[in-house]
Every structure is written in C-alpha cells, then in structure tokens.
C-alpha atoms as a PDB file:
ATOM      1  CA  MET A   1     -66.911   6.003 -39.775  1.00  0.00           C
ATOM      2  CA  PRO A   2     -65.965   3.568 -37.296  1.00  0.00           C
ATOM      3  CA  VAL A   3     -63.088   1.789 -39.206  1.00  0.00           C
ATOM      4  CA  PHE A   4     -61.373   5.622 -39.810  1.00  0.00           C
ATOM      5  CA  ASP A   5     -61.029   5.864 -36.353  1.00  0.00           C
ATOM      6  CA  LEU A   6     -59.621   2.495 -35.242  1.00  0.00           C
ATOM      7  CA  THR A   7     -57.190   2.746 -37.827  1.00  0.00           C
ATOM      8  CA  ILE A   8     -56.116   6.319 -35.859  1.00  0.00           C
ATOM      9  CA  ASN A   9     -55.918   5.013 -32.923  1.00  0.00           C
ATOM     10  CA  ILE A  10     -53.678   1.476 -34.151  1.00  0.00           C
ATOM     11  CA  ILE A  11     -51.178   4.750 -35.323  1.00  0.00           C
ATOM     12  CA  VAL A  12     -51.195   6.165 -33.083  1.00  0.00           C
ATOM     13  CA  LEU A  13     -50.812   3.151 -30.494  1.00  0.00           C
ATOM     14  CA  PHE A  14     -47.741   2.827 -33.025  1.00  0.00           C
ATOM     15  CA  VAL A  15     -46.360   6.117 -32.833  1.00  0.00           C
ATOM     16  CA  LEU A  16     -46.285   6.196 -29.152  1.00  0.00           C
ATOM     17  CA  ILE A  17     -44.646   2.583 -28.865  1.00  0.00           C
ATOM     18  CA  GLY A  18     -41.491   3.916 -31.476  1.00  0.00           C
ATOM     19  CA  LEU A  19     -40.816   7.186 -29.077  1.00  0.00           C
ATOM     20  CA  ALA A  20     -41.419   5.232 -26.026  1.00  0.00           C
ATOM     21  CA  ALA A  21     -38.709   2.862 -27.787  1.00  0.00           C
ATOM     22  CA  LEU A  22     -36.670   5.632 -29.335  1.00  0.00           C
ATOM     23  CA  ALA A  23     -36.889   7.901 -25.548  1.00  0.00           C
ATOM     24  CA  GLY A  24     -35.774   3.772 -23.865  1.00  0.00           C
ATOM     25  CA  PHE A  25     -32.716   3.538 -25.941  1.00  0.00           C
ATOM     26  CA  GLY A  26     -31.915   7.332 -25.167  1.00  0.00           C
ATOM     27  CA  LEU A  27     -31.762   6.547 -21.689  1.00  0.00           C
ATOM     28  CA  ARG A  28     -30.044   4.143 -21.502  1.00  0.00           C
ATOM     29  CA  SER A  29     -27.137   5.186 -24.093  1.00  0.00           C
ATOM     30  CA  GLY A  30     -26.807   7.880 -22.155  1.00  0.00           C
ATOM     31  CA  GLN A  31     -26.237   5.681 -19.119  1.00  0.00           C
ATOM     32  CA  LEU A  32     -23.792   3.452 -21.150  1.00  0.00           C
ATOM     33  CA  ALA A  33     -21.971   6.758 -22.112  1.00  0.00           C
ATOM     34  CA  LYS A  34     -21.526   7.685 -18.162  1.00  0.00           C
ATOM     35  CA  LYS A  35     -20.501   4.336 -16.929  1.00  0.00           C
ATOM     36  CA  ASN A  36     -18.171   4.354 -19.661  1.00  0.00           C
ATOM     37  CA  ARG A  37     -16.543   7.855 -18.227  1.00  0.00           C
ATOM     38  CA  GLN A  38     -16.345   6.495 -14.648  1.00  0.00           C
ATOM     39  CA  ILE A  39     -15.036   3.349 -15.917  1.00  0.00           C
ATOM     40  CA  ALA A  40     -12.338   5.750 -18.056  1.00  0.00           C
ATOM     41  CA  GLU A  41     -11.732   7.661 -14.843  1.00  0.00           C
ATOM     42  CA  LEU A  42     -11.165   4.865 -12.276  1.00  0.00           C
ATOM     43  CA  GLU A  43      -8.479   3.258 -15.206  1.00  0.00           C
ATOM     44  CA  ARG A  44      -6.806   5.845 -14.976  1.00  0.00           C
ATOM     45  CA  GLU A  45      -6.626   6.556 -11.239  1.00  0.00           C
ATOM     46  CA  VAL A  46      -5.689   2.930 -11.041  1.00  0.00           C
ATOM     47  CA  ALA A  47      -2.319   3.546 -13.447  1.00  0.00           C
ATOM     48  CA  LEU A  48      -1.788   6.980 -11.519  1.00  0.00           C
ATOM     49  CA  VAL A  49      -1.845   5.242  -8.715  1.00  0.00           C
ATOM     50  CA  SER A  50       0.309   2.182  -9.671  1.00  0.00           C
ATOM     51  CA  ALA A  51       2.746   4.555 -11.306  1.00  0.00           C
ATOM     52  CA  GLU A  52       2.959   6.527  -7.966  1.00  0.00           C
ATOM     53  CA  ILE A  53       3.481   3.209  -6.261  1.00  0.00           C
ATOM     54  CA  LEU A  54       6.498   2.186  -8.974  1.00  0.00           C
ATOM     55  CA  GLN A  55       7.921   5.348  -8.336  1.00  0.00           C
ATOM     56  CA  VAL A  56       8.783   4.784  -4.540  1.00  0.00           C
ATOM     57  CA  GLN A  57       8.990   0.984  -5.236  1.00  0.00           C
ATOM     58  CA  LYS A  58      12.012   2.190  -7.610  1.00  0.00           C
ATOM     59  CA  GLU A  59      13.279   5.048  -4.926  1.00  0.00           C
ATOM     60  CA  TYR A  60      13.100   2.648  -2.001  1.00  0.00           C
ATOM     61  CA  CYS A  61      15.517   0.526  -4.215  1.00  0.00           C
ATOM     62  CA  GLU A  62      17.978   2.979  -4.765  1.00  0.00           C
ATOM     63  CA  LEU A  63      18.153   3.578  -0.798  1.00  0.00           C
ATOM     64  CA  GLU A  64      18.660  -0.172  -0.116  1.00  0.00           C
ATOM     65  CA  MET A  65      21.337  -0.125  -3.006  1.00  0.00           C
ATOM     66  CA  ARG A  66      23.076   3.025  -1.244  1.00  0.00           C
ATOM     67  CA  CYS A  67      22.832   1.676   2.239  1.00  0.00           C
ATOM     68  CA  LYS A  68      24.109  -1.979   0.921  1.00  0.00           C
ATOM     69  CA  ASP A  69      27.175   0.089  -0.225  1.00  0.00           C
ATOM     70  CA  MET A  70      27.696   1.841   3.091  1.00  0.00           C
ATOM     71  CA  SER A  71      30.471   0.270   4.984  1.00  0.00           C
ATOM     72  CA  ILE A  72      28.254   0.107   8.458  1.00  0.00           C
ATOM     73  CA  PRO A  73      30.270   0.674  11.906  1.00  0.00           C
ATOM     74  CA  VAL A  74      28.589  -1.532  13.701  1.00  0.00           C
ATOM     75  CA  ILE A  75      30.717  -4.696  15.956  1.00  0.00           C
ATOM     76  CA  PRO A  76      29.411  -7.747  16.050  1.00  0.00           C
ATOM     77  CA  MET A  77      28.443  -9.556  19.373  1.00  0.00           C
ATOM     78  CA  LYS A  78      30.455 -12.608  19.076  1.00  0.00           C
ATOM     79  CA  GLN A  79      33.356 -10.029  18.277  1.00  0.00           C
ATOM     80  CA  ALA A  80      33.127  -7.711  20.696  1.00  0.00           C
ATOM     81  CA  ALA A  81      32.954 -10.537  23.245  1.00  0.00           C
ATOM     82  CA  VAL A  82      35.889 -12.420  21.987  1.00  0.00           C
ATOM     83  CA  ALA A  83      37.740  -8.194  21.765  1.00  0.00           C
ATOM     84  CA  ILE A  84      36.433  -8.271  25.608  1.00  0.00           C
ATOM     85  CA  THR A  85      38.071 -11.799  26.729  1.00  0.00           C
ATOM     86  CA  LYS A  86      41.504 -10.738  25.552  1.00  0.00           C
ATOM     87  CA  ASP A  87      40.917  -7.431  26.938  1.00  0.00           C
ATOM     88  CA  ASN A  88      40.733  -9.228  30.459  1.00  0.00           C
ATOM     89  CA  ASP A  89      43.725  -9.803  32.454  1.00  0.00           C
ATOM     90  CA  PRO A  90      43.330 -11.954  35.511  1.00  0.00           C
ATOM     91  CA  LYS A  91      45.883  -9.798  37.477  1.00  0.00           C
ATOM     92  CA  LYS A  92      43.220  -6.807  37.235  1.00  0.00           C
ATOM     93  CA  ASP A  93      40.778  -8.908  38.134  1.00  0.00           C
ATOM     94  CA  ASP A  94      42.532 -10.188  41.581  1.00  0.00           C
ATOM     95  CA  ALA A  95      44.096  -7.145  42.347  1.00  0.00           C
ATOM     96  CA  ASP A  96      40.106  -5.387  43.445  1.00  0.00           C
ATOM     97  CA  ALA A  97      39.430  -9.004  44.098  1.00  0.00           C
ATOM     98  CA  PRO A  98      39.302  -7.543  48.129  1.00  0.00           C
ATOM     99  CA  SER A  99      37.264  -4.102  46.827  1.00  0.00           C
ATOM    100  CA  ARG A 100      34.669  -6.508  45.630  1.00  0.00           C
ATOM    101  CA  ASP A 101      34.409  -8.152  48.785  1.00  0.00           C
ATOM    102  CA  LYS A 102      34.283  -4.653  50.678  1.00  0.00           C
ATOM    103  CA  ASN A 103      31.442  -4.043  48.673  1.00  0.00           C
ATOM    104  CA  ILE A 104      29.074  -6.987  49.084  1.00  0.00           C
ATOM    105  CA  SER A 105      27.140  -6.828  51.683  1.00  0.00           C
ATOM    106  CA  ASN A 106      26.319 -10.382  54.139  1.00  0.00           C
ATOM    107  CA  ARG A 107      22.994  -9.220  54.644  1.00  0.00           C
ATOM    108  CA  THR A 108      19.494 -10.346  53.010  1.00  0.00           C
ATOM    109  CA  ALA A 109      16.728  -8.306  52.746  1.00  0.00           C
END
C-alpha cells in the first residue's frame, strides 16, 4: 500500500505544477496584453500630437508667406537719416541760433 500513496502524491504534485504553470502563463499573457494596449494608446497619442504640431507648423508657414507678400510701411534708418539731412536747411539753423542761445543757461548745478 505505501507504493500506491506515493504514486498519488507524485501525480498530485505534477498536476499542481501544471496548474501553477498555466496560472503563471495566464497572468503573464494578461500583463503583456495590458502593456500592448498601453503602447498602442501611447502611439496613437504621439501620432495625434505630431499631427497637431504639423498643422500648427503649416498655419505658421502660411502666415509667414502672407506677411512676406505684404508691403510693410517701415522706413529703414539709413533712408530716414538721408531724408532728414536733405530737409535741413542751413539758413533755418542760422535763423534759430539766437533764440537757442537765449534758452541755454550758463549756470551749473
């Protein structure tokens, strides 16, 4: 009889090992499926964000092209300086000289 009990114990041991292995494979496959879903979700999110960035870049380029085509009424400093010197008349400066001299104070603080 002791041989019979040992055989049952070995079979029970193998069955328990098999059930533990199946449970382990089941749990691990569940974890892998969850990770794959998370990876797929993150990939979709990255694609969506990239699409938004590309849309904003496209709008920026279109705005830049519209601004480039516009004629902006800005006078460069070099042209403004030339225009001022042409407008100044030496006779005007001499006529204002006595009034400027009266406004200058000789006092020091």
